[in-house]
N, C-alpha and C. Protein backbone atom coordinates (compact mmCIF):
# COMPACT_ATOMS: atom_id res chain seq x y z
N MET A 1 -113.74 100.01 183.90
CA MET A 1 -115.09 99.71 182.92
C MET A 1 -116.18 100.22 182.60
N SER A 2 -116.41 100.36 181.28
CA SER A 2 -117.52 100.72 180.59
C SER A 2 -118.45 100.59 180.52
N SER A 3 -119.32 101.33 180.85
CA SER A 3 -121.29 101.17 181.22
C SER A 3 -122.00 100.69 180.16
N LEU A 4 -121.32 100.52 178.71
CA LEU A 4 -121.59 100.76 177.24
C LEU A 4 -121.65 99.06 177.40
N PRO A 5 -122.79 98.29 176.60
CA PRO A 5 -122.90 97.16 175.68
C PRO A 5 -121.43 96.53 175.35
N PRO A 6 -120.55 95.03 175.51
CA PRO A 6 -119.52 95.37 174.12
C PRO A 6 -119.75 95.37 173.27
N SER A 7 -121.05 95.14 172.64
CA SER A 7 -121.47 95.68 171.24
C SER A 7 -121.03 96.62 170.66
N ILE A 8 -121.91 97.93 171.44
CA ILE A 8 -121.52 99.25 172.12
C ILE A 8 -120.33 99.70 171.95
N GLN A 9 -119.38 99.27 172.57
CA GLN A 9 -118.55 99.67 173.11
C GLN A 9 -117.14 99.37 172.00
N ASN A 10 -117.62 98.10 171.42
CA ASN A 10 -116.25 97.65 170.48
C ASN A 10 -116.38 98.74 169.22
N LEU A 11 -117.91 98.98 168.63
CA LEU A 11 -117.89 100.36 167.67
C LEU A 11 -117.30 101.78 168.12
N VAL A 12 -117.66 101.72 169.03
CA VAL A 12 -117.01 103.17 169.75
C VAL A 12 -115.38 103.31 169.52
N ASP A 13 -114.83 102.21 170.26
CA ASP A 13 -113.92 102.13 169.89
C ASP A 13 -112.58 101.59 168.62
N HIS A 14 -113.67 101.23 167.77
CA HIS A 14 -113.73 101.61 165.96
C HIS A 14 -113.48 102.77 165.60
N PHE A 15 -114.74 103.32 166.27
CA PHE A 15 -114.66 104.65 165.68
C PHE A 15 -113.56 105.72 166.15
N THR A 16 -113.16 105.53 167.01
CA THR A 16 -111.82 106.47 167.63
C THR A 16 -110.52 106.29 166.77
N THR A 17 -110.28 104.77 166.07
CA THR A 17 -109.20 104.77 165.33
C THR A 17 -109.24 105.52 164.06
N LEU A 18 -110.12 106.56 163.47
CA LEU A 18 -110.29 107.49 162.45
C LEU A 18 -109.85 108.79 163.38
N PRO A 19 -109.38 109.51 162.10
CA PRO A 19 -108.49 110.72 162.50
C PRO A 19 -109.73 111.72 162.57
N GLY A 20 -108.86 111.86 163.71
CA GLY A 20 -110.24 113.49 164.51
C GLY A 20 -111.34 112.93 165.16
N ILE A 21 -111.40 111.74 165.50
CA ILE A 21 -112.93 111.32 166.36
C ILE A 21 -112.39 110.70 167.90
N GLY A 22 -112.49 111.50 168.53
CA GLY A 22 -112.29 111.31 169.77
C GLY A 22 -113.57 110.64 170.40
N PRO A 23 -113.45 109.92 171.74
CA PRO A 23 -114.18 109.22 172.36
C PRO A 23 -115.83 109.49 172.30
N LYS A 24 -115.75 110.74 172.78
CA LYS A 24 -117.08 111.67 172.40
C LYS A 24 -117.77 111.81 171.23
N THR A 25 -116.72 112.15 170.40
CA THR A 25 -117.48 112.07 168.92
C THR A 25 -117.93 110.65 168.52
N ALA A 26 -117.16 109.82 168.88
CA ALA A 26 -117.81 108.30 168.54
C ALA A 26 -118.95 107.85 169.56
N GLU A 27 -119.04 108.18 170.21
CA GLU A 27 -119.95 107.56 171.11
C GLU A 27 -121.13 108.06 170.47
N LYS A 28 -121.12 109.73 170.16
CA LYS A 28 -122.47 110.52 169.37
C LYS A 28 -122.80 109.79 168.46
N LEU A 29 -121.78 109.32 167.51
CA LEU A 29 -121.91 109.05 166.21
C LEU A 29 -122.51 107.22 166.41
N VAL A 30 -121.98 106.52 167.46
CA VAL A 30 -122.87 105.23 167.41
C VAL A 30 -124.19 105.28 167.82
N PHE A 31 -124.09 106.25 168.91
CA PHE A 31 -125.88 106.40 169.30
C PHE A 31 -126.60 106.74 168.41
N PHE A 32 -125.98 107.83 167.61
CA PHE A 32 -126.88 108.29 166.10
C PHE A 32 -127.05 106.92 165.11
N LEU A 33 -126.31 106.29 164.87
CA LEU A 33 -126.38 104.87 164.23
C LEU A 33 -127.95 103.80 165.13
N LEU A 34 -127.85 103.93 166.10
CA LEU A 34 -128.21 103.62 167.10
C LEU A 34 -129.76 103.88 166.39
N ARG A 35 -130.31 105.09 166.39
CA ARG A 35 -131.50 105.69 166.21
C ARG A 35 -131.42 105.27 165.10
N THR A 36 -130.93 105.05 163.65
CA THR A 36 -131.33 104.80 162.47
C THR A 36 -132.08 103.46 162.30
N PRO A 37 -133.34 103.18 161.58
CA PRO A 37 -134.17 101.85 161.14
C PRO A 37 -133.01 100.99 160.87
N PRO A 38 -133.20 99.86 161.02
CA PRO A 38 -132.22 99.01 161.08
C PRO A 38 -131.84 98.58 159.64
N LYS A 39 -133.09 98.68 158.49
CA LYS A 39 -132.44 98.67 157.37
C LYS A 39 -131.60 99.37 156.97
N ASP A 40 -131.35 100.77 157.24
CA ASP A 40 -130.55 101.72 157.06
C ASP A 40 -128.97 101.03 157.86
N LEU A 41 -129.17 100.70 158.87
CA LEU A 41 -128.29 100.03 159.92
C LEU A 41 -127.43 99.30 158.65
N HIS A 42 -128.03 98.25 158.58
CA HIS A 42 -127.38 96.92 157.43
C HIS A 42 -127.16 97.87 156.51
N ASP A 43 -127.53 98.64 155.86
CA ASP A 43 -126.93 98.97 154.29
C ASP A 43 -125.92 99.60 154.60
N PHE A 44 -125.54 100.35 155.74
CA PHE A 44 -123.92 100.87 155.81
C PHE A 44 -123.34 99.65 156.41
N GLY A 45 -123.42 98.92 156.98
CA GLY A 45 -122.56 97.42 157.28
C GLY A 45 -122.39 96.98 155.94
N ALA A 46 -123.43 97.23 154.82
CA ALA A 46 -122.71 96.20 153.49
C ALA A 46 -121.62 97.33 152.79
N ALA A 47 -122.26 98.39 153.07
CA ALA A 47 -121.30 99.07 152.35
C ALA A 47 -120.13 98.87 152.93
N LEU A 48 -119.96 99.12 154.32
CA LEU A 48 -117.89 98.51 154.75
C LEU A 48 -117.72 97.58 154.11
N SER A 49 -118.70 96.04 154.39
CA SER A 49 -118.07 94.99 153.64
C SER A 49 -117.61 95.04 152.31
N HIS A 50 -118.38 96.06 151.71
CA HIS A 50 -118.32 96.05 149.86
C HIS A 50 -116.79 96.71 150.17
N LEU A 51 -116.31 97.70 151.15
CA LEU A 51 -115.50 98.29 150.58
C LEU A 51 -114.08 97.94 150.75
N ALA A 52 -114.02 96.58 152.26
CA ALA A 52 -113.10 95.32 152.14
C ALA A 52 -112.97 94.53 151.69
N ASP A 53 -114.40 94.03 150.80
CA ASP A 53 -114.34 93.35 149.82
C ASP A 53 -113.77 93.34 148.05
N ASN A 54 -113.90 94.57 147.72
CA ASN A 54 -113.99 94.97 146.46
C ASN A 54 -113.01 96.02 146.14
N VAL A 55 -113.21 96.83 146.99
CA VAL A 55 -111.77 98.06 146.71
C VAL A 55 -110.41 97.67 147.08
N THR A 56 -110.00 97.88 145.49
CA THR A 56 -108.27 97.61 145.70
C THR A 56 -107.69 98.64 144.96
N LEU A 57 -106.02 98.32 144.57
CA LEU A 57 -105.81 99.52 143.97
C LEU A 57 -105.57 99.15 142.42
N CYS A 58 -105.63 100.46 141.76
CA CYS A 58 -105.82 100.39 140.09
C CYS A 58 -104.04 99.95 139.84
N SER A 59 -103.84 99.24 139.25
CA SER A 59 -102.77 98.21 139.07
C SER A 59 -101.77 99.44 138.43
N GLN A 60 -102.66 100.49 137.42
CA GLN A 60 -101.88 101.28 136.62
C GLN A 60 -101.45 102.61 137.22
N CYS A 61 -102.47 103.48 138.18
CA CYS A 61 -101.89 104.60 138.21
C CYS A 61 -101.98 103.97 140.21
N GLN A 62 -102.25 103.44 140.82
CA GLN A 62 -102.25 103.21 142.31
C GLN A 62 -103.34 104.06 143.40
N ASN A 63 -104.30 104.30 142.32
CA ASN A 63 -105.28 105.07 143.33
C ASN A 63 -106.73 103.85 143.49
N PHE A 64 -107.27 104.16 144.20
CA PHE A 64 -108.84 103.40 144.66
C PHE A 64 -109.41 102.74 143.82
N THR A 65 -109.64 101.65 143.58
CA THR A 65 -110.76 101.31 142.41
C THR A 65 -111.41 99.86 143.02
N ASP A 66 -112.71 99.40 142.13
CA ASP A 66 -113.05 98.55 142.52
C ASP A 66 -112.79 97.58 140.94
N LYS A 67 -111.87 97.93 140.47
CA LYS A 67 -111.43 97.40 138.73
C LYS A 67 -110.44 97.33 138.89
N GLU A 68 -109.57 96.41 137.89
CA GLU A 68 -108.21 96.37 137.75
C GLU A 68 -107.53 97.62 137.44
N LEU A 69 -108.60 98.14 136.96
CA LEU A 69 -107.64 99.51 136.03
C LEU A 69 -109.09 100.37 136.60
N CYS A 70 -108.34 101.98 137.10
CA CYS A 70 -109.52 102.83 137.60
C CYS A 70 -109.91 103.54 135.95
N ALA A 71 -111.24 104.35 136.23
CA ALA A 71 -112.10 105.39 135.18
C ALA A 71 -110.96 106.45 134.63
N ILE A 72 -110.38 106.82 135.60
CA ILE A 72 -109.10 107.61 134.67
C ILE A 72 -108.59 106.89 133.89
N CYS A 73 -107.59 105.91 134.13
CA CYS A 73 -106.82 105.21 133.25
C CYS A 73 -107.42 104.76 131.98
N THR A 74 -108.78 104.46 132.09
CA THR A 74 -109.31 103.70 130.65
C THR A 74 -110.18 104.70 130.33
N ASN A 75 -110.18 105.77 130.86
CA ASN A 75 -110.88 107.15 129.69
C ASN A 75 -109.97 107.24 128.72
N PRO A 76 -110.68 106.88 127.28
CA PRO A 76 -109.72 107.24 126.21
C PRO A 76 -109.29 108.98 125.78
N ARG A 77 -110.05 109.79 126.57
CA ARG A 77 -110.04 111.14 126.25
C ARG A 77 -109.35 111.60 127.48
N ARG A 78 -108.30 111.02 128.11
CA ARG A 78 -107.24 111.29 128.86
C ARG A 78 -105.92 111.45 128.26
N ASP A 79 -104.84 112.30 128.44
CA ASP A 79 -103.65 112.32 127.91
C ASP A 79 -103.02 111.33 128.13
N GLN A 80 -102.49 110.21 128.03
CA GLN A 80 -101.96 109.17 128.69
C GLN A 80 -100.20 109.34 129.02
N GLY A 81 -100.23 110.31 128.33
CA GLY A 81 -98.26 110.93 127.72
C GLY A 81 -98.37 112.11 129.33
N THR A 82 -99.07 112.28 130.02
CA THR A 82 -98.82 113.36 130.71
C THR A 82 -99.24 112.38 132.24
N ILE A 83 -98.28 112.33 133.61
CA ILE A 83 -98.63 112.03 134.70
C ILE A 83 -98.49 113.05 135.22
N CYS A 84 -99.61 112.92 136.26
CA CYS A 84 -99.54 113.75 137.30
C CYS A 84 -99.15 112.67 138.73
N VAL A 85 -98.35 113.36 139.38
CA VAL A 85 -97.78 112.25 140.93
C VAL A 85 -98.77 113.14 141.68
N VAL A 86 -99.18 112.32 142.53
CA VAL A 86 -100.00 113.24 143.84
C VAL A 86 -99.35 112.30 144.79
N ALA A 87 -99.70 112.86 146.35
CA ALA A 87 -99.25 111.71 147.33
C ALA A 87 -100.57 110.84 147.93
N ASP A 88 -101.63 111.61 147.55
CA ASP A 88 -102.83 110.53 148.35
C ASP A 88 -103.80 111.31 147.61
N PRO A 89 -104.95 110.25 147.43
CA PRO A 89 -105.93 109.49 146.71
C PRO A 89 -106.77 111.49 146.52
N LEU A 90 -106.94 111.77 148.00
CA LEU A 90 -107.46 113.28 148.30
C LEU A 90 -107.17 114.33 147.27
N ASP A 91 -105.75 114.28 147.29
CA ASP A 91 -104.81 115.30 146.42
C ASP A 91 -105.64 115.27 144.96
N LEU A 92 -105.52 114.20 144.53
CA LEU A 92 -106.16 113.32 143.01
C LEU A 92 -107.41 114.13 143.09
N ILE A 93 -108.37 113.55 144.14
CA ILE A 93 -110.16 114.53 143.88
C ILE A 93 -109.68 115.67 143.76
N ALA A 94 -108.87 116.48 144.40
CA ALA A 94 -108.91 118.03 144.43
C ALA A 94 -108.24 118.57 143.36
N LEU A 95 -107.57 117.69 142.74
CA LEU A 95 -106.94 118.25 141.01
C LEU A 95 -108.46 118.12 140.18
N GLU A 96 -108.51 116.90 140.37
CA GLU A 96 -110.19 116.38 139.17
C GLU A 96 -111.25 117.65 139.49
N GLU A 97 -111.17 118.34 140.48
CA GLU A 97 -112.14 119.33 140.95
C GLU A 97 -112.46 120.19 140.20
N THR A 98 -110.71 120.75 139.73
CA THR A 98 -110.73 121.84 139.09
C THR A 98 -111.04 121.89 137.79
N HIS A 99 -111.25 120.52 136.87
CA HIS A 99 -111.87 120.64 135.54
C HIS A 99 -110.18 120.92 134.68
N ASN A 100 -109.39 121.23 135.25
CA ASN A 100 -108.02 121.77 134.20
C ASN A 100 -107.00 120.53 134.03
N PHE A 101 -107.28 119.55 134.53
CA PHE A 101 -105.88 118.71 133.98
C PHE A 101 -106.93 117.26 133.25
N ARG A 102 -106.43 116.97 132.28
CA ARG A 102 -106.33 116.05 131.31
C ARG A 102 -105.60 114.60 130.96
N GLY A 103 -104.96 114.76 132.25
CA GLY A 103 -103.77 113.48 131.81
C GLY A 103 -104.26 112.49 132.97
N VAL A 104 -103.20 111.86 133.36
CA VAL A 104 -103.52 110.63 133.94
C VAL A 104 -102.22 110.95 135.39
N TYR A 105 -103.01 109.97 136.47
CA TYR A 105 -102.18 110.31 137.47
C TYR A 105 -101.46 108.77 137.97
N HIS A 106 -100.74 109.08 139.25
CA HIS A 106 -99.86 108.01 139.89
C HIS A 106 -99.96 109.02 141.67
N VAL A 107 -100.26 107.58 142.04
CA VAL A 107 -100.46 108.06 143.41
C VAL A 107 -99.52 107.18 144.42
N LEU A 108 -98.76 108.20 144.97
CA LEU A 108 -97.84 107.68 145.52
C LEU A 108 -98.45 107.06 146.89
N GLY A 109 -99.05 107.28 147.55
CA GLY A 109 -99.61 106.81 148.87
C GLY A 109 -99.03 107.49 150.28
N HIS A 110 -98.32 108.41 149.83
CA HIS A 110 -97.88 109.06 150.93
C HIS A 110 -96.48 110.23 150.70
N ASN A 111 -96.06 110.56 151.22
CA ASN A 111 -94.88 111.25 151.16
C ASN A 111 -93.64 110.99 151.36
N ILE A 112 -92.31 110.61 151.08
CA ILE A 112 -91.21 110.85 152.05
C ILE A 112 -91.37 110.92 153.35
N ASN A 113 -91.09 110.78 154.75
CA ASN A 113 -91.10 111.59 155.82
C ASN A 113 -90.26 110.71 156.41
N PRO A 114 -88.88 110.92 156.76
CA PRO A 114 -88.06 110.35 157.30
C PRO A 114 -88.20 110.60 158.92
N LEU A 115 -88.78 111.39 159.46
CA LEU A 115 -88.98 111.35 160.51
C LEU A 115 -90.13 110.60 161.08
N GLU A 116 -90.82 110.21 160.45
CA GLU A 116 -91.74 108.84 160.74
C GLU A 116 -91.55 107.69 160.10
N GLY A 117 -89.91 107.41 159.33
CA GLY A 117 -89.62 106.19 159.05
C GLY A 117 -89.73 106.05 158.01
N ILE A 118 -90.60 106.77 156.90
CA ILE A 118 -91.29 106.79 155.72
C ILE A 118 -90.11 106.47 154.54
N THR A 119 -89.81 105.72 154.46
CA THR A 119 -88.77 106.26 153.09
C THR A 119 -89.21 105.83 151.66
N PRO A 120 -88.22 106.00 150.85
CA PRO A 120 -88.81 105.78 149.39
C PRO A 120 -89.18 104.17 149.19
N ASN A 121 -88.94 103.23 149.94
CA ASN A 121 -89.28 101.98 149.70
C ASN A 121 -90.73 101.70 149.97
N ASP A 122 -90.92 102.72 150.94
CA ASP A 122 -92.49 102.16 151.66
C ASP A 122 -93.75 103.33 150.73
N ILE A 123 -93.48 103.98 149.72
CA ILE A 123 -94.31 104.07 149.20
C ILE A 123 -93.98 103.88 147.40
N ARG A 124 -95.05 104.27 146.51
CA ARG A 124 -95.19 103.48 145.26
C ARG A 124 -94.94 104.18 144.17
N ILE A 125 -93.35 104.45 144.70
CA ILE A 125 -92.15 105.01 143.52
C ILE A 125 -91.69 103.85 142.35
N ARG A 126 -91.85 102.73 143.05
CA ARG A 126 -91.40 101.72 142.13
C ARG A 126 -92.22 101.22 140.86
N GLU A 127 -93.19 101.24 140.91
CA GLU A 127 -94.61 101.08 140.11
C GLU A 127 -94.50 102.33 139.00
N LEU A 128 -94.46 103.73 139.96
CA LEU A 128 -94.37 104.66 138.50
C LEU A 128 -92.98 104.43 137.73
N VAL A 129 -91.83 104.19 138.58
CA VAL A 129 -90.43 103.62 137.53
C VAL A 129 -90.57 102.89 136.35
N VAL A 130 -91.36 101.54 136.70
CA VAL A 130 -92.26 100.61 136.12
C VAL A 130 -92.62 101.21 134.91
N ARG A 131 -93.97 101.81 135.39
CA ARG A 131 -95.07 102.22 134.37
C ARG A 131 -94.27 103.58 133.36
N ILE A 132 -93.00 103.77 133.97
CA ILE A 132 -92.58 105.04 133.24
C ILE A 132 -91.36 104.11 131.99
N GLU A 133 -90.86 103.14 132.63
CA GLU A 133 -89.52 102.30 131.87
C GLU A 133 -90.63 101.57 130.61
N LYS A 134 -91.71 100.97 130.70
CA LYS A 134 -92.88 99.90 130.23
C LYS A 134 -93.12 100.84 129.17
N GLU A 135 -93.77 102.59 129.06
CA GLU A 135 -94.72 103.74 128.54
C GLU A 135 -93.34 104.41 127.76
N SER A 136 -92.52 104.18 128.19
CA SER A 136 -91.60 105.41 127.65
C SER A 136 -91.64 106.16 126.22
N LEU A 137 -92.15 105.76 125.17
CA LEU A 137 -92.50 106.30 123.78
C LEU A 137 -93.71 106.98 124.14
N THR A 138 -94.76 106.72 125.40
CA THR A 138 -95.63 107.36 125.47
C THR A 138 -95.68 108.37 126.22
N ILE A 139 -94.84 108.62 127.34
CA ILE A 139 -94.76 109.60 128.81
C ILE A 139 -93.97 110.79 128.21
N LYS A 140 -94.67 112.21 128.23
CA LYS A 140 -93.71 112.83 128.06
C LYS A 140 -93.36 113.77 128.98
N GLU A 141 -94.42 114.16 130.28
CA GLU A 141 -94.24 114.62 131.05
C GLU A 141 -94.87 113.76 132.64
N VAL A 142 -93.88 114.31 133.34
CA VAL A 142 -94.37 113.93 134.55
C VAL A 142 -94.78 115.15 135.95
N ILE A 143 -95.39 115.73 135.99
CA ILE A 143 -95.86 116.67 136.80
C ILE A 143 -95.83 116.44 138.53
N LEU A 144 -94.93 117.08 139.13
CA LEU A 144 -94.95 116.62 140.60
C LEU A 144 -95.95 117.07 141.47
N ALA A 145 -97.00 116.91 141.82
CA ALA A 145 -98.18 118.00 142.49
C ALA A 145 -98.18 117.43 143.93
N LEU A 146 -96.96 117.83 144.70
CA LEU A 146 -96.92 117.27 145.92
C LEU A 146 -97.36 118.18 146.92
N ASP A 147 -97.41 118.08 148.04
CA ASP A 147 -97.98 119.00 149.00
C ASP A 147 -96.46 119.96 149.10
N ALA A 148 -96.98 121.31 149.66
CA ALA A 148 -95.86 122.24 149.41
C ALA A 148 -95.50 122.56 151.18
N ASN A 149 -94.74 121.53 151.45
CA ASN A 149 -94.36 121.04 153.14
C ASN A 149 -92.95 120.72 152.64
N ASN A 150 -92.39 120.39 153.97
CA ASN A 150 -90.86 119.58 153.76
C ASN A 150 -91.16 118.27 152.88
N GLU A 151 -92.18 117.69 153.54
CA GLU A 151 -91.97 116.18 152.94
C GLU A 151 -92.48 116.17 151.54
N GLY A 152 -93.48 117.17 151.04
CA GLY A 152 -93.02 117.43 149.80
C GLY A 152 -92.65 117.56 148.65
N GLU A 153 -91.65 118.62 149.52
CA GLU A 153 -90.34 119.22 148.92
C GLU A 153 -89.36 118.18 148.97
N ILE A 154 -89.27 117.04 149.96
CA ILE A 154 -88.56 115.90 149.70
C ILE A 154 -88.18 114.85 148.63
N THR A 155 -89.60 114.60 148.48
CA THR A 155 -90.24 113.74 147.64
C THR A 155 -90.33 114.23 146.34
N SER A 156 -90.21 115.33 145.87
CA SER A 156 -90.09 116.04 144.54
C SER A 156 -88.43 116.21 144.58
N LEU A 157 -87.90 116.58 145.28
CA LEU A 157 -86.33 116.51 144.82
C LEU A 157 -86.05 114.95 144.43
N TYR A 158 -86.64 114.73 145.12
CA TYR A 158 -86.00 112.59 145.10
C TYR A 158 -86.34 112.14 143.55
N LEU A 159 -87.60 112.35 143.35
CA LEU A 159 -88.12 112.00 142.03
C LEU A 159 -87.59 112.61 140.79
N ALA A 160 -87.20 114.00 141.49
CA ALA A 160 -86.81 114.74 140.26
C ALA A 160 -85.46 114.11 140.26
N ARG A 161 -84.29 113.91 140.50
CA ARG A 161 -83.08 113.22 140.58
C ARG A 161 -83.63 112.11 140.19
N LEU A 162 -84.37 111.10 140.34
CA LEU A 162 -84.55 109.49 139.91
C LEU A 162 -84.81 109.67 138.38
N PHE A 163 -86.05 110.49 137.81
CA PHE A 163 -86.32 110.72 136.53
C PHE A 163 -84.97 110.99 135.43
N LYS A 164 -84.11 111.78 136.06
CA LYS A 164 -83.05 112.33 135.23
C LYS A 164 -82.75 111.43 133.96
N LYS A 165 -82.58 110.04 134.36
CA LYS A 165 -81.91 109.26 133.31
C LYS A 165 -82.85 108.44 132.25
N TYR A 166 -83.96 109.52 133.05
CA TYR A 166 -85.95 109.07 131.78
C TYR A 166 -85.53 110.00 130.56
N PRO A 167 -86.02 109.62 129.36
CA PRO A 167 -86.68 111.12 128.59
C PRO A 167 -87.81 111.68 128.45
N VAL A 168 -88.19 112.29 129.64
CA VAL A 168 -89.09 112.70 130.07
C VAL A 168 -89.14 113.86 130.58
N LYS A 169 -90.12 114.72 130.13
CA LYS A 169 -89.78 116.08 131.10
C LYS A 169 -90.18 116.03 132.77
N VAL A 170 -89.50 116.44 133.86
CA VAL A 170 -90.23 116.65 135.13
C VAL A 170 -90.60 117.70 135.80
N THR A 171 -91.69 118.26 136.05
CA THR A 171 -92.15 119.44 136.23
C THR A 171 -92.45 119.50 137.24
N ARG A 172 -92.92 120.61 138.13
CA ARG A 172 -93.58 120.58 139.60
C ARG A 172 -94.40 122.12 139.27
N ILE A 173 -95.87 121.54 139.70
CA ILE A 173 -96.45 122.57 140.15
C ILE A 173 -96.19 123.95 140.57
N GLY A 174 -96.93 124.99 140.23
CA GLY A 174 -96.07 126.00 140.35
C GLY A 174 -96.30 126.71 141.95
N LYS A 175 -95.73 127.93 141.73
CA LYS A 175 -96.09 128.85 143.29
C LYS A 175 -97.75 129.19 143.11
N GLY A 176 -98.20 129.16 144.74
CA GLY A 176 -99.41 129.81 144.79
C GLY A 176 -100.34 129.01 146.20
N LEU A 177 -99.87 127.35 146.22
CA LEU A 177 -99.93 126.76 147.23
C LEU A 177 -99.17 127.55 148.46
N PRO A 178 -100.06 127.89 149.65
CA PRO A 178 -99.29 128.69 150.88
C PRO A 178 -98.35 127.33 151.31
N GLN A 179 -97.12 127.69 151.90
CA GLN A 179 -96.27 127.04 152.16
C GLN A 179 -96.43 126.40 153.77
N GLY A 180 -96.26 125.43 153.31
CA GLY A 180 -96.67 124.30 154.69
C GLY A 180 -98.09 123.28 154.36
N SER A 181 -99.17 124.20 153.38
CA SER A 181 -100.40 123.36 152.79
C SER A 181 -100.34 121.91 152.51
N ASP A 182 -101.52 121.42 152.70
CA ASP A 182 -101.90 120.32 151.87
C ASP A 182 -102.66 120.47 150.74
N MET A 183 -102.19 120.12 149.68
CA MET A 183 -102.88 120.21 148.62
C MET A 183 -104.66 119.78 148.27
N GLU A 184 -105.14 118.89 149.27
CA GLU A 184 -106.48 118.44 149.36
C GLU A 184 -107.40 119.46 150.24
N TYR A 185 -106.97 120.62 150.92
CA TYR A 185 -107.60 121.27 151.06
C TYR A 185 -107.55 122.92 150.65
N ALA A 186 -106.68 122.95 149.03
CA ALA A 186 -106.45 123.97 148.13
C ALA A 186 -107.72 124.21 147.38
N ASP A 187 -108.32 125.56 146.97
CA ASP A 187 -109.26 125.85 146.49
C ASP A 187 -109.06 125.52 145.05
N SER A 188 -110.28 124.87 143.91
CA SER A 188 -109.95 124.78 142.69
C SER A 188 -109.77 125.78 141.64
N ILE A 189 -108.79 127.40 141.98
CA ILE A 189 -108.41 128.14 141.52
C ILE A 189 -107.07 127.98 141.83
N THR A 190 -106.67 128.33 142.90
CA THR A 190 -105.46 127.77 143.65
C THR A 190 -104.58 126.71 142.99
N LEU A 191 -105.18 125.65 142.47
CA LEU A 191 -104.77 124.64 141.95
C LEU A 191 -104.74 124.37 140.63
N SER A 192 -105.71 125.22 140.16
CA SER A 192 -105.56 125.78 138.65
C SER A 192 -104.58 126.54 138.05
N ASN A 193 -104.62 127.41 138.99
CA ASN A 193 -103.07 127.71 138.69
C ASN A 193 -101.58 127.84 138.83
N ALA A 194 -101.66 126.71 139.82
CA ALA A 194 -100.41 125.70 140.35
C ALA A 194 -100.32 125.34 139.10
N LEU A 195 -101.48 124.12 138.66
CA LEU A 195 -100.73 123.85 137.32
C LEU A 195 -100.51 124.23 136.05
N GLU A 196 -101.31 125.36 135.70
CA GLU A 196 -100.41 126.46 135.05
C GLU A 196 -99.30 126.62 134.87
N GLY A 197 -99.05 126.77 136.27
CA GLY A 197 -97.62 127.68 136.19
C GLY A 197 -96.48 126.77 136.53
N ARG A 198 -96.38 125.95 136.46
CA ARG A 198 -95.86 124.70 136.23
C ARG A 198 -94.48 125.02 135.84
N ARG A 199 -93.30 124.49 136.54
CA ARG A 199 -92.09 124.80 136.16
C ARG A 199 -91.39 123.36 136.05
N GLU A 200 -90.12 123.34 135.30
CA GLU A 200 -89.68 121.99 134.89
C GLU A 200 -88.40 122.22 136.32
N ILE A 201 -87.94 121.12 136.57
CA ILE A 201 -86.94 120.70 137.37
C ILE A 201 -85.91 119.69 137.04
């Protein structure tokens, strides 16, 4: 039985659901919050509530946004004819930090992973297909910027076969990412070189 008051233990339990946060770290975070001024604590809670109430998926690219369309999709300076497909919003952020890609994105939400039971129907492939069919005269290239691991490879091959029937060029980012690595951890130079060295598949 916990020696902590239920309200504190409840928050500790919620923190332990976050990736990489164990019970001890969760307790440290909660007690840090308990030492913060009440106003800051209320602001923190309000930010979480705002996240739950206002953040949704962009109707076009499936990235997180607080509007119907995200800032990238509505930017008139972005090349709407080039779509970069990523598995996760963190991959999108990593590519944006290179300042080397001026197209738009599509976020799948995950890679296909048979071992975890994640099939093509479980990620946002259908939304991408609908987008390509709807904008077939505009979209010229689909870049597959997926992780350099088995799941990324499976997803890339699946999408490449799927898009063969559409009049779009399908490319994959070039070599440079270490095998087995996640894109979100790659540095800007590596990602820039991978983008520039993309190849058609």
